[in-house]
C-alpha atoms as a PDB file:
ATOM      1  CA  MET A   1     107.436  50.863  36.048  1.00  0.00           C
ATOM      2  CA  PRO A   2     111.029  50.026  36.950  1.00  0.00           C
ATOM      3  CA  LYS A   3     111.790  53.776  36.977  1.00  0.00           C
ATOM      4  CA  SER A   4     109.063  54.423  39.411  1.00  0.00           C
ATOM      5  CA  LYS A   5     110.429  51.902  41.831  1.00  0.00           C
ATOM      6  CA  LYS A   6     113.836  53.526  41.672  1.00  0.00           C
ATOM      7  CA  ASP A   7     112.333  56.899  42.434  1.00  0.00           C
ATOM      8  CA  ASP A   8     110.406  55.521  45.356  1.00  0.00           C
ATOM      9  CA  ALA A   9     113.499  53.910  46.715  1.00  0.00           C
ATOM     10  CA  ALA A  10     115.417  57.148  46.377  1.00  0.00           C
ATOM     11  CA  ASN A  11     112.678  59.088  48.057  1.00  0.00           C
ATOM     12  CA  ALA A  12     112.522  56.592  50.895  1.00  0.00           C
ATOM     13  CA  ALA A  13     116.233  56.804  51.360  1.00  0.00           C
ATOM     14  CA  ALA A  14     116.083  60.597  51.403  1.00  0.00           C
ATOM     15  CA  LEU A  15     113.298  60.573  53.975  1.00  0.00           C
ATOM     16  CA  GLU A  16     115.241  58.160  56.148  1.00  0.00           C
ATOM     17  CA  LEU A  17     118.276  60.399  56.014  1.00  0.00           C
ATOM     18  CA  GLU A  18     116.171  63.421  56.929  1.00  0.00           C
ATOM     19  CA  ALA A  19     114.654  61.487  59.842  1.00  0.00           C
ATOM     20  CA  GLN A  20     118.055  60.431  61.075  1.00  0.00           C
ATOM     21  CA  ALA A  21     119.298  63.999  60.776  1.00  0.00           C
ATOM     22  CA  ALA A  22     116.288  65.303  62.665  1.00  0.00           C
ATOM     23  CA  ALA A  23     116.718  62.659  65.350  1.00  0.00           C
ATOM     24  CA  SER A  24     120.391  63.472  65.653  1.00  0.00           C
ATOM     25  CA  SER A  25     119.607  67.169  65.919  1.00  0.00           C
ATOM     26  CA  ALA A  26     116.967  66.530  68.594  1.00  0.00           C
ATOM     27  CA  THR A  27     119.354  64.338  70.560  1.00  0.00           C
ATOM     28  CA  GLN A  28     122.016  66.991  70.331  1.00  0.00           C
ATOM     29  CA  ASP A  29     119.586  69.693  71.474  1.00  0.00           C
ATOM     30  CA  GLU A  30     118.432  67.500  74.349  1.00  0.00           C
ATOM     31  CA  THR A  31     122.013  66.792  75.345  1.00  0.00           C
ATOM     32  CA  GLU A  32     122.819  70.487  75.235  1.00  0.00           C
ATOM     33  CA  GLU A  33     119.697  71.311  77.305  1.00  0.00           C
ATOM     34  CA  THR A  34     120.590  68.648  79.852  1.00  0.00           C
ATOM     35  CA  ALA A  35     124.110  69.956  80.025  1.00  0.00           C
ATOM     36  CA  LYS A  36     122.781  73.484  80.531  1.00  0.00           C
ATOM     37  CA  LYS A  37     120.463  72.310  83.317  1.00  0.00           C
ATOM     38  CA  GLU A  38     123.249  70.371  84.990  1.00  0.00           C
ATOM     39  CA  THR A  39     125.501  73.401  84.725  1.00  0.00           C
ATOM     40  CA  ALA A  40     122.787  75.648  86.162  1.00  0.00           C
ATOM     41  CA  SER A  41     122.042  73.145  88.932  1.00  0.00           C
ATOM     42  CA  ALA A  42     125.705  72.869  89.775  1.00  0.00           C
ATOM     43  CA  ALA A  43     125.924  76.640  89.872  1.00  0.00           C
ATOM     44  CA  ASP A  44     122.897  76.869  92.187  1.00  0.00           C
ATOM     45  CA  THR A  45     124.322  74.174  94.443  1.00  0.00           C
ATOM     46  CA  SER A  46     127.655  75.912  94.503  1.00  0.00           C
ATOM     47  CA  GLU A  47     125.947  79.215  95.340  1.00  0.00           C
ATOM     48  CA  GLN A  48     123.906  77.592  98.146  1.00  0.00           C
ATOM     49  CA  ASP A  49     127.014  75.894  99.512  1.00  0.00           C
ATOM     50  CA  SER A  50     128.783  79.211  99.345  1.00  0.00           C
ATOM     51  CA  LYS A  51     125.938  80.922 101.232  1.00  0.00           C
ATOM     52  CA  ALA A  52     125.868  78.111 103.783  1.00  0.00           C
ATOM     53  CA  GLU A  53     129.587  78.464 104.231  1.00  0.00           C
ATOM     54  CA  VAL A  54     129.139  82.191 104.705  1.00  0.00           C
ATOM     55  CA  LYS A  55     126.350  81.617 107.236  1.00  0.00           C
ATOM     56  CA  THR A  56     128.393  79.014 109.070  1.00  0.00           C
ATOM     57  CA  ALA A  57     131.345  81.309 109.074  1.00  0.00           C
ATOM     58  CA  LYS A  58     129.209  84.137 110.389  1.00  0.00           C
ATOM     59  CA  ALA A  59     127.686  81.878 113.024  1.00  0.00           C
ATOM     60  CA  GLY A  60     131.090  80.748 114.082  1.00  0.00           C
ATOM     61  CA  LYS A  61     132.275  84.295 114.357  1.00  0.00           C
ATOM     62  CA  ARG A  62     129.082  85.260 116.198  1.00  0.00           C
ATOM     63  CA  SER A  63     129.940  83.029 119.131  1.00  0.00           C
ATOM     64  CA  ALA A  64     131.115  79.749 120.387  1.00  0.00           C
ATOM     65  CA  LYS A  65     129.487  81.092 123.560  1.00  0.00           C
ATOM     66  CA  GLY A  66     126.119  81.085 121.794  1.00  0.00           C
ATOM     67  CA  ILE A  67     126.564  77.433 120.924  1.00  0.00           C
ATOM     68  CA  GLU A  68     127.521  76.625 124.528  1.00  0.00           C
ATOM     69  CA  GLU A  69     124.488  78.489 125.843  1.00  0.00           C
ATOM     70  CA  ALA A  70     122.219  76.622 123.435  1.00  0.00           C
ATOM     71  CA  GLU A  71     123.685  73.295 124.535  1.00  0.00           C
ATOM     72  CA  ALA A  72     123.354  74.258 128.196  1.00  0.00           C
ATOM     73  CA  LYS A  73     119.742  75.279 127.658  1.00  0.00           C
ATOM     74  CA  ALA A  74     118.980  71.997 125.909  1.00  0.00           C
ATOM     75  CA  GLU A  75     120.637  70.094 128.746  1.00  0.00           C
ATOM     76  CA  LYS A  76     118.613  72.045 131.321  1.00  0.00           C
ATOM     77  CA  ILE A  77     115.365  71.292 129.499  1.00  0.00           C
ATOM     78  CA  GLU A  78     116.287  67.619 129.369  1.00  0.00           C
ATOM     79  CA  HIS A  79     117.118  67.647 133.091  1.00  0.00           C
ATOM     80  CA  GLN A  80     113.800  69.299 133.952  1.00  0.00           C
ATOM     81  CA  LYS A  81     111.989  66.771 131.821  1.00  0.00           C
ATOM     82  CA  HIS A  82     113.784  63.972 133.644  1.00  0.00           C
ATOM     83  CA  ARG A  83     112.872  65.458 137.031  1.00  0.00           C
ATOM     84  CA  SER A  84     109.240  65.822 135.985  1.00  0.00           C
ATOM     85  CA  GLU A  85     109.197  62.173 134.998  1.00  0.00           C
ATOM     86  CA  GLU A  86     110.714  61.196 138.352  1.00  0.00           C
ATOM     87  CA  ALA A  87     108.159  63.334 140.204  1.00  0.00           C
ATOM     88  CA  ALA A  88     105.345  61.702 138.263  1.00  0.00           C
ATOM     89  CA  GLU A  89     106.715  58.256 139.104  1.00  0.00           C
ATOM     90  CA  GLU A  90     107.053  59.248 142.779  1.00  0.00           C
ATOM     91  CA  ALA A  91     103.466  60.511 142.831  1.00  0.00           C
ATOM     92  CA  GLU A  92     102.248  57.204 141.460  1.00  0.00           C
ATOM     93  CA  LYS A  93     103.928  55.251 144.275  1.00  0.00           C
ATOM     94  CA  PRO A  94     101.642  54.307 147.183  1.00  0.00           C
ATOM     95  CA  LYS A  95     102.140  56.735 150.094  1.00  0.00           C
ATOM     96  CA  GLN A  96     103.270  55.486 153.483  1.00  0.00           C
ATOM     97  CA  PRO A  97     100.730  55.974 156.272  1.00  0.00           C
ATOM     98  CA  VAL A  98     101.492  59.110 158.339  1.00  0.00           C
ATOM     99  CA  LYS A  99     101.990  58.468 162.030  1.00  0.00           C
ATOM    100  CA  PRO A 100      99.704  60.584 164.219  1.00  0.00           C
ATOM    101  CA  THR A 101     101.473  63.363 166.152  1.00  0.00           C
ATOM    102  CA  ARG A 102     101.789  62.531 169.820  1.00  0.00           C
ATOM    103  CA  SER A 103     100.693  65.066 172.395  1.00  0.00           C
ATOM    104  CA  ARG A 104     103.296  66.948 174.420  1.00  0.00           C
ATOM    105  CA  LEU A 105     102.521  64.838 177.489  1.00  0.00           C
ATOM    106  CA  GLU A 106     102.972  61.591 175.532  1.00  0.00           C
ATOM    107  CA  ARG A 107     106.425  62.748 174.456  1.00  0.00           C
ATOM    108  CA  ARG A 108     107.479  63.230 178.086  1.00  0.00           C
ATOM    109  CA  SER A 109     109.302  60.659 180.190  1.00  0.00           C
ATOM    110  CA  LYS A 110     107.427  57.951 182.045  1.00  0.00           C
ATOM    111  CA  ALA A 111     108.301  59.578 185.393  1.00  0.00           C
ATOM    112  CA  TYR A 112     106.884  62.910 184.212  1.00  0.00           C
ATOM    113  CA  ARG A 113     103.649  61.303 182.994  1.00  0.00           C
ATOM    114  CA  THR A 114     103.252  59.487 186.302  1.00  0.00           C
ATOM    115  CA  ALA A 115     103.687  62.761 188.209  1.00  0.00           C
ATOM    116  CA  ALA A 116     101.302  64.607 185.894  1.00  0.00           C
ATOM    117  CA  GLU A 117      98.592  62.007 186.532  1.00  0.00           C
ATOM    118  CA  GLN A 118      98.544  63.096 190.195  1.00  0.00           C
ATOM    119  CA  ILE A 119      97.657  66.684 189.230  1.00  0.00           C
ATOM    120  CA  GLU A 120      94.015  67.316 188.400  1.00  0.00           C
ATOM    121  CA  LYS A 121      93.794  69.202 185.127  1.00  0.00           C
ATOM    122  CA  GLY A 122      91.994  72.539 185.362  1.00  0.00           C
ATOM    123  CA  LYS A 123      91.894  72.583 189.157  1.00  0.00           C
ATOM    124  CA  LEU A 124      93.036  75.617 191.165  1.00  0.00           C
ATOM    125  CA  TYR A 125      94.875  74.294 194.206  1.00  0.00           C
ATOM    126  CA  SER A 126      95.318  76.108 197.485  1.00  0.00           C
ATOM    127  CA  LEU A 127      98.878  77.072 198.431  1.00  0.00           C
ATOM    128  CA  ALA A 128      98.976  74.324 201.088  1.00  0.00           C
ATOM    129  CA  GLU A 129      97.701  71.661 198.669  1.00  0.00           C
ATOM    130  CA  ALA A 130     100.189  72.757 196.028  1.00  0.00           C
ATOM    131  CA  MET A 131     103.164  72.473 198.403  1.00  0.00           C
ATOM    132  CA  GLU A 132     102.126  68.980 199.517  1.00  0.00           C
ATOM    133  CA  LEU A 133     101.698  67.945 195.890  1.00  0.00           C
ATOM    134  CA  ALA A 134     105.006  69.485 194.837  1.00  0.00           C
ATOM    135  CA  ALA A 135     106.817  67.403 197.442  1.00  0.00           C
ATOM    136  CA  LYS A 136     105.284  64.249 195.909  1.00  0.00           C
ATOM    137  CA  THR A 137     105.645  64.931 192.192  1.00  0.00           C
ATOM    138  CA  SER A 138     109.395  65.273 191.744  1.00  0.00           C
ATOM    139  CA  THR A 139     110.525  63.446 188.592  1.00  0.00           C
ATOM    140  CA  VAL A 140     114.281  63.374 189.270  1.00  0.00           C
ATOM    141  CA  LYS A 141     116.503  61.285 191.516  1.00  0.00           C
ATOM    142  CA  PHE A 142     118.258  64.229 193.185  1.00  0.00           C
ATOM    143  CA  ASP A 143     116.787  66.616 195.768  1.00  0.00           C
ATOM    144  CA  ALA A 144     114.909  68.904 193.376  1.00  0.00           C
ATOM    145  CA  SER A 145     114.189  72.572 194.004  1.00  0.00           C
ATOM    146  CA  VAL A 146     110.612  73.769 194.411  1.00  0.00           C
ATOM    147  CA  GLU A 147     109.839  76.974 192.529  1.00  0.00           C
ATOM    148  CA  LEU A 148     107.076  79.571 192.506  1.00  0.00           C
ATOM    149  CA  HIS A 149     106.202  81.444 189.314  1.00  0.00           C
ATOM    150  CA  VAL A 150     103.953  84.447 189.961  1.00  0.00           C
ATOM    151  CA  ASN A 151     102.485  86.401 187.041  1.00  0.00           C
ATOM    152  CA  LEU A 152     101.862  90.025 188.046  1.00  0.00           C
ATOM    153  CA  ALA A 153      99.811  92.772 186.383  1.00  0.00           C
ATOM    154  CA  VAL A 154     102.778  95.129 186.088  1.00  0.00           C
ATOM    155  CA  ASP A 155     104.688  96.802 183.280  1.00  0.00           C
ATOM    156  CA  PRO A 156     108.427  96.365 184.001  1.00  0.00           C
ATOM    157  CA  ARG A 157     109.180  99.249 181.640  1.00  0.00           C
ATOM    158  CA  GLN A 158     107.693 101.593 184.220  1.00  0.00           C
ATOM    159  CA  ALA A 159     110.253 102.397 186.931  1.00  0.00           C
ATOM    160  CA  ASP A 160     107.768 102.146 189.805  1.00  0.00           C
ATOM    161  CA  GLN A 161     106.470  98.772 188.551  1.00  0.00           C
ATOM    162  CA  ASN A 162     109.859  97.149 188.030  1.00  0.00           C
ATOM    163  CA  ILE A 163     109.661  95.239 191.311  1.00  0.00           C
ATOM    164  CA  ARG A 164     112.912  94.164 192.935  1.00  0.00           C
ATOM    165  CA  THR A 165     113.208  93.244 196.586  1.00  0.00           C
ATOM    166  CA  ASN A 166     114.387  90.536 198.964  1.00  0.00           C
ATOM    167  CA  LEU A 167     113.257  88.521 201.967  1.00  0.00           C
ATOM    168  CA  ILE A 168     114.507  85.874 204.346  1.00  0.00           C
ATOM    169  CA  LEU A 169     112.884  82.470 203.871  1.00  0.00           C
ATOM    170  CA  PRO A 170     111.847  81.109 207.315  1.00  0.00           C
ATOM    171  CA  GLN A 171     113.114  77.628 206.473  1.00  0.00           C
ATOM    172  CA  GLY A 172     116.087  78.725 204.402  1.00  0.00           C
ATOM    173  CA  THR A 173     116.813  77.784 200.811  1.00  0.00           C
ATOM    174  CA  GLY A 174     118.179  74.310 201.396  1.00  0.00           C
ATOM    175  CA  LYS A 175     121.452  75.321 199.791  1.00  0.00           C
ATOM    176  CA  THR A 176     124.837  76.101 201.277  1.00  0.00           C
ATOM    177  CA  VAL A 177     125.374  79.758 200.453  1.00  0.00           C
ATOM    178  CA  ARG A 178     128.911  80.987 199.818  1.00  0.00           C
ATOM    179  CA  VAL A 179     129.154  84.617 200.942  1.00  0.00           C
ATOM    180  CA  ALA A 180     131.874  87.037 199.834  1.00  0.00           C
ATOM    181  CA  VAL A 181     132.453  90.449 201.429  1.00  0.00           C
ATOM    182  CA  PHE A 182     134.141  93.161 199.372  1.00  0.00           C
ATOM    183  CA  ALA A 183     135.354  95.370 202.215  1.00  0.00           C
ATOM    184  CA  ASP A 184     138.566  96.405 203.931  1.00  0.00           C
ATOM    185  CA  GLU A 185     137.533  94.884 207.247  1.00  0.00           C
ATOM    186  CA  LYS A 186     136.975  91.179 207.861  1.00  0.00           C
ATOM    187  CA  ALA A 187     133.419  89.920 208.272  1.00  0.00           C
ATOM    188  CA  GLU A 188     132.740  86.988 210.575  1.00  0.00           C
ATOM    189  CA  GLY A 189     131.007  84.100 208.850  1.00  0.00           C
ATOM    190  CA  ALA A 190     131.982  85.161 205.327  1.00  0.00           C
ATOM    191  CA  ASP A 191     133.594  82.561 203.090  1.00  0.00           C
ATOM    192  CA  ILE A 192     135.745  85.172 201.340  1.00  0.00           C
ATOM    193  CA  SER A 193     136.463  88.703 202.527  1.00  0.00           C
ATOM    194  CA  GLY A 194     138.842  91.538 201.775  1.00  0.00           C
ATOM    195  CA  VAL A 195     139.180  93.855 198.809  1.00  0.00           C
ATOM    196  CA  GLU A 196     142.585  92.544 197.767  1.00  0.00           C
ATOM    197  CA  ALA A 197     141.649  88.845 197.884  1.00  0.00           C
ATOM    198  CA  LEU A 198     138.450  89.340 195.907  1.00  0.00           C
ATOM    199  CA  THR A 199     140.092  91.655 193.385  1.00  0.00           C
ATOM    200  CA  LYS A 200     142.627  88.939 192.490  1.00  0.00           C
ATOM    201  CA  GLN A 201     139.787  86.469 191.826  1.00  0.00           C
ATOM    202  CA  LEU A 202     137.715  88.924 189.804  1.00  0.00           C
ATOM    203  CA  GLU A 203     140.720  89.895 187.681  1.00  0.00           C
ATOM    204  CA  LYS A 204     140.998  86.230 186.671  1.00  0.00           C
ATOM    205  CA  GLY A 205     137.252  86.056 185.938  1.00  0.00           C
ATOM    206  CA  GLN A 206     136.680  83.707 188.868  1.00  0.00           C
ATOM    207  CA  VAL A 207     133.355  83.795 190.727  1.00  0.00           C
ATOM    208  CA  ALA A 208     133.543  81.418 193.688  1.00  0.00           C
ATOM    209  CA  PHE A 209     130.576  82.743 195.705  1.00  0.00           C
ATOM    210  CA  ASP A 210     126.763  82.908 195.622  1.00  0.00           C
ATOM    211  CA  THR A 211     126.296  86.294 197.308  1.00  0.00           C
ATOM    212  CA  LEU A 212     128.513  89.365 197.233  1.00  0.00           C
ATOM    213  CA  ILE A 213     128.243  92.043 199.925  1.00  0.00           C
ATOM    214  CA  ALA A 214     129.968  95.426 199.724  1.00  0.00           C
ATOM    215  CA  THR A 215     130.070  98.718 201.609  1.00  0.00           C
ATOM    216  CA  PRO A 216     129.152 102.087 200.069  1.00  0.00           C
ATOM    217  CA  ALA A 217     132.852 103.027 200.186  1.00  0.00           C
ATOM    218  CA  THR A 218     134.051  99.996 198.186  1.00  0.00           C
ATOM    219  CA  MET A 219     131.235  99.913 195.611  1.00  0.00           C
ATOM    220  CA  PRO A 220     133.020 102.236 193.121  1.00  0.00           C
ATOM    221  CA  LYS A 221     135.870  99.704 192.880  1.00  0.00           C
ATOM    222  CA  LEU A 222     133.416  97.021 191.708  1.00  0.00           C
ATOM    223  CA  GLY A 223     132.287  99.091 188.727  1.00  0.00           C
ATOM    224  CA  LYS A 224     134.935  97.632 186.421  1.00  0.00           C
ATOM    225  CA  TYR A 225     133.622  94.114 187.130  1.00  0.00           C
ATOM    226  CA  ALA A 226     129.992  94.897 186.318  1.00  0.00           C
ATOM    227  CA  ARG A 227     130.092  92.823 183.121  1.00  0.00           C
ATOM    228  CA  LEU A 228     131.290  89.822 185.103  1.00  0.00           C
ATOM    229  CA  LEU A 229     128.948  90.153 188.071  1.00  0.00           C
ATOM    230  CA  GLY A 230     125.852  91.744 186.513  1.00  0.00           C
ATOM    231  CA  PRO A 231     124.723  88.879 184.254  1.00  0.00           C
ATOM    232  CA  ARG A 232     125.089  86.470 187.194  1.00  0.00           C
ATOM    233  CA  GLY A 233     122.916  88.622 189.445  1.00  0.00           C
ATOM    234  CA  LEU A 234     125.802  89.124 191.861  1.00  0.00           C
ATOM    235  CA  MET A 235     126.317  92.882 191.645  1.00  0.00           C
ATOM    236  CA  PRO A 236     125.643  94.330 195.134  1.00  0.00           C
ATOM    237  CA  ASN A 237     122.572  96.548 195.362  1.00  0.00           C
ATOM    238  CA  PRO A 238     121.094  98.583 198.228  1.00  0.00           C
ATOM    239  CA  LYS A 239     117.590  97.268 197.424  1.00  0.00           C
ATOM    240  CA  SER A 240     118.728  93.701 197.939  1.00  0.00           C
ATOM    241  CA  GLY A 241     120.528  94.542 201.186  1.00  0.00           C
ATOM    242  CA  THR A 242     123.935  93.691 199.780  1.00  0.00           C
ATOM    243  CA  VAL A 243     125.310  97.245 200.014  1.00  0.00           C
ATOM    244  CA  THR A 244     125.523  98.034 203.717  1.00  0.00           C
ATOM    245  CA  THR A 245     127.790  99.093 206.561  1.00  0.00           C
ATOM    246  CA  ASP A 246     126.426  96.354 208.858  1.00  0.00           C
ATOM    247  CA  LEU A 247     128.400  93.511 207.340  1.00  0.00           C
ATOM    248  CA  GLN A 248     127.822  91.005 210.170  1.00  0.00           C
ATOM    249  CA  LYS A 249     124.054  91.287 209.852  1.00  0.00           C
ATOM    250  CA  ALA A 250     124.179  91.023 206.058  1.00  0.00           C
ATOM    251  CA  VAL A 251     126.331  87.882 206.215  1.00  0.00           C
ATOM    252  CA  ALA A 252     124.063  86.276 208.828  1.00  0.00           C
ATOM    253  CA  GLU A 253     120.947  86.979 206.748  1.00  0.00           C
ATOM    254  CA  ALA A 254     122.561  85.622 203.593  1.00  0.00           C
ATOM    255  CA  LYS A 255     123.517  82.424 205.395  1.00  0.00           C
ATOM    256  CA  ALA A 256     120.050  82.176 206.957  1.00  0.00           C
ATOM    257  CA  GLY A 257     118.278  82.106 203.585  1.00  0.00           C
ATOM    258  CA  ARG A 258     117.815  85.614 202.304  1.00  0.00           C
ATOM    259  CA  VAL A 259     116.757  85.598 198.656  1.00  0.00           C
ATOM    260  CA  GLU A 260     116.286  88.358 196.115  1.00  0.00           C
ATOM    261  CA  TYR A 261     113.628  88.382 193.426  1.00  0.00           C
ATOM    262  CA  ARG A 262     112.521  90.693 190.636  1.00  0.00           C
ATOM    263  CA  VAL A 263     110.023  90.665 187.787  1.00  0.00           C
ATOM    264  CA  ASP A 264     111.300  89.631 184.376  1.00  0.00           C
ATOM    265  CA  SER A 265     110.506  91.430 181.120  1.00  0.00           C
ATOM    266  CA  THR A 266     107.067  89.779 180.969  1.00  0.00           C
ATOM    267  CA  GLY A 267     106.097  90.702 184.539  1.00  0.00           C
ATOM    268  CA  ILE A 268     106.688  87.265 186.102  1.00  0.00           C
ATOM    269  CA  VAL A 269     108.558  86.517 189.343  1.00  0.00           C
ATOM    270  CA  HIS A 270     110.529  83.244 189.348  1.00  0.00           C
ATOM    271  CA  LEU A 271     111.849  82.117 192.730  1.00  0.00           C
ATOM    272  CA  ALA A 272     113.103  78.871 194.273  1.00  0.00           C
ATOM    273  CA  ILE A 273     111.579  78.499 197.744  1.00  0.00           C
ATOM    274  CA  GLY A 274     113.206  75.310 198.996  1.00  0.00           C
ATOM    275  CA  LYS A 275     113.835  71.633 198.312  1.00  0.00           C
ATOM    276  CA  VAL A 276     111.523  68.651 197.876  1.00  0.00           C
ATOM    277  CA  SER A 277     113.105  67.168 201.013  1.00  0.00           C
ATOM    278  CA  PHE A 278     111.612  70.039 203.074  1.00  0.00           C
ATOM    279  CA  GLY A 279     108.182  68.442 202.936  1.00  0.00           C
ATOM    280  CA  GLY A 280     104.855  70.204 202.550  1.00  0.00           C
ATOM    281  CA  THR A 281     104.844  72.082 205.884  1.00  0.00           C
ATOM    282  CA  LYS A 282     108.245  73.793 205.540  1.00  0.00           C
ATOM    283  CA  LEU A 283     107.612  74.570 201.888  1.00  0.00           C
ATOM    284  CA  LEU A 284     104.306  76.189 202.845  1.00  0.00           C
ATOM    285  CA  GLU A 285     106.040  78.471 205.374  1.00  0.00           C
ATOM    286  CA  ASN A 286     108.459  79.682 202.720  1.00  0.00           C
ATOM    287  CA  ALA A 287     105.718  80.042 200.092  1.00  0.00           C
ATOM    288  CA  GLU A 288     103.535  82.117 202.427  1.00  0.00           C
ATOM    289  CA  ALA A 289     106.500  84.402 203.201  1.00  0.00           C
ATOM    290  CA  VAL A 290     107.138  84.920 199.485  1.00  0.00           C
ATOM    291  CA  MET A 291     103.493  85.671 198.687  1.00  0.00           C
ATOM    292  CA  ALA A 292     103.279  88.145 201.588  1.00  0.00           C
ATOM    293  CA  SER A 293     106.415  89.914 200.326  1.00  0.00           C
ATOM    294  CA  ILE A 294     105.050  90.134 196.773  1.00  0.00           C
ATOM    295  CA  LYS A 295     101.722  91.549 197.958  1.00  0.00           C
ATOM    296  CA  ASN A 296     103.546  94.168 200.042  1.00  0.00           C
ATOM    297  CA  ALA A 297     105.558  95.169 196.975  1.00  0.00           C
ATOM    298  CA  LYS A 298     102.444  96.084 194.955  1.00  0.00           C
ATOM    299  CA  PRO A 299     103.055  99.462 193.245  1.00  0.00           C
ATOM    300  CA  GLN A 300     100.561 102.215 194.003  1.00  0.00           C
ATOM    301  CA  SER A 301     100.073 102.796 190.267  1.00  0.00           C
ATOM    302  CA  VAL A 302      98.648  99.293 189.793  1.00  0.00           C
ATOM    303  CA  LYS A 303      94.891  99.280 190.255  1.00  0.00           C
ATOM    304  CA  GLY A 304      92.607  96.272 190.417  1.00  0.00           C
ATOM    305  CA  VAL A 305      93.958  92.728 190.094  1.00  0.00           C
ATOM    306  CA  PHE A 306      97.659  92.515 190.972  1.00  0.00           C
ATOM    307  CA  ILE A 307      98.375  88.767 190.984  1.00  0.00           C
ATOM    308  CA  LYS A 308      97.107  87.208 187.756  1.00  0.00           C
ATOM    309  CA  ALA A 309      98.363  83.619 188.086  1.00  0.00           C
ATOM    310  CA  ILE A 310     100.545  81.416 190.302  1.00  0.00           C
ATOM    311  CA  HIS A 311     102.211  78.114 189.459  1.00  0.00           C
ATOM    312  CA  ALA A 312     104.402  75.824 191.525  1.00  0.00           C
ATOM    313  CA  THR A 313     106.763  73.288 190.038  1.00  0.00           C
ATOM    314  CA  THR A 314     109.744  71.133 190.876  1.00  0.00           C
ATOM    315  CA  THR A 315     112.915  70.896 188.801  1.00  0.00           C
ATOM    316  CA  MET A 316     111.833  69.284 185.492  1.00  0.00           C
ATOM    317  CA  GLY A 317     108.429  68.487 187.003  1.00  0.00           C
ATOM    318  CA  PRO A 318     104.840  69.307 185.943  1.00  0.00           C
ATOM    319  CA  ALA A 319     103.255  72.635 186.902  1.00  0.00           C
ATOM    320  CA  ILE A 320     100.631  72.937 189.645  1.00  0.00           C
ATOM    321  CA  THR A 321      98.148  75.794 189.211  1.00  0.00           C
ATOM    322  CA  ILE A 322      97.431  77.745 192.411  1.00  0.00           C
ATOM    323  CA  ASN A 323      94.379  79.883 193.122  1.00  0.00           C
ATOM    324  CA  PRO A 324      95.626  83.513 192.868  1.00  0.00           C
ATOM    325  CA  ASN A 325      92.641  84.818 194.846  1.00  0.00           C
ATOM    326  CA  GLU A 326      93.391  82.771 197.945  1.00  0.00           C
END
């Protein structure tokens, strides 16, 4: 019995030693496995870091410009987003009431509106009525001019329909006309005369006259001043009676109120026929003379209606529509 106990004790001790050895071996294996895993993990991490470094290096080499463009694009997107938000906020704000657009007449001066009230809208006035009304509807404080605007059925591009002529207004123009004569001989009544005197003025670009008269012999000398005189309508012309050998007559007619008119590019004649201070009767005399001259100037190639519309107006005043069939 005692022997058996000793054997059991020995066996137990041997088993315990084997267990400890096994446990130690397992711990060692586990430690080695852990170490291997850590080593492998470290290697993977190192490899990834190495690849990242390579990628970063490649990206850096690829372009700093690319990075700048990306940042600029991001900034632009952010700016657009901000603007969209502002637009949305603006749209949510209550809108201010829009003021109604005033008519053209309402935007005119009080004096103009008062004058316009005296003219019946849509009415075709007779020439006499229009002249009386024109004398009463001036909107300015100075002695305004009275003008006729006559729309003709002509094509100014056609030579025979490009109307240009002149006439003497029975009551004059109401203006003091300065007459210059470009000729070797003196002309009585002229404000300036003589080739030499006028040449000195023209060379300086000075135009101190309203009408220029020349003779056929001196006209070639005026050619070099065409750019100065032409745009002002002062270039002498046989049709207007300002190129002539009868200088005394031409000066007298110019002083008496001779006017020249022509159609513009749209076929309309614009002509001042006097001053408001003339009164209706004198204005009518001048207006009738103008209308008679225009009718006499009708080209043969124009058939049917010649005068399409007539309007009278004062300087800065409302228009008065005149019956063209009168």
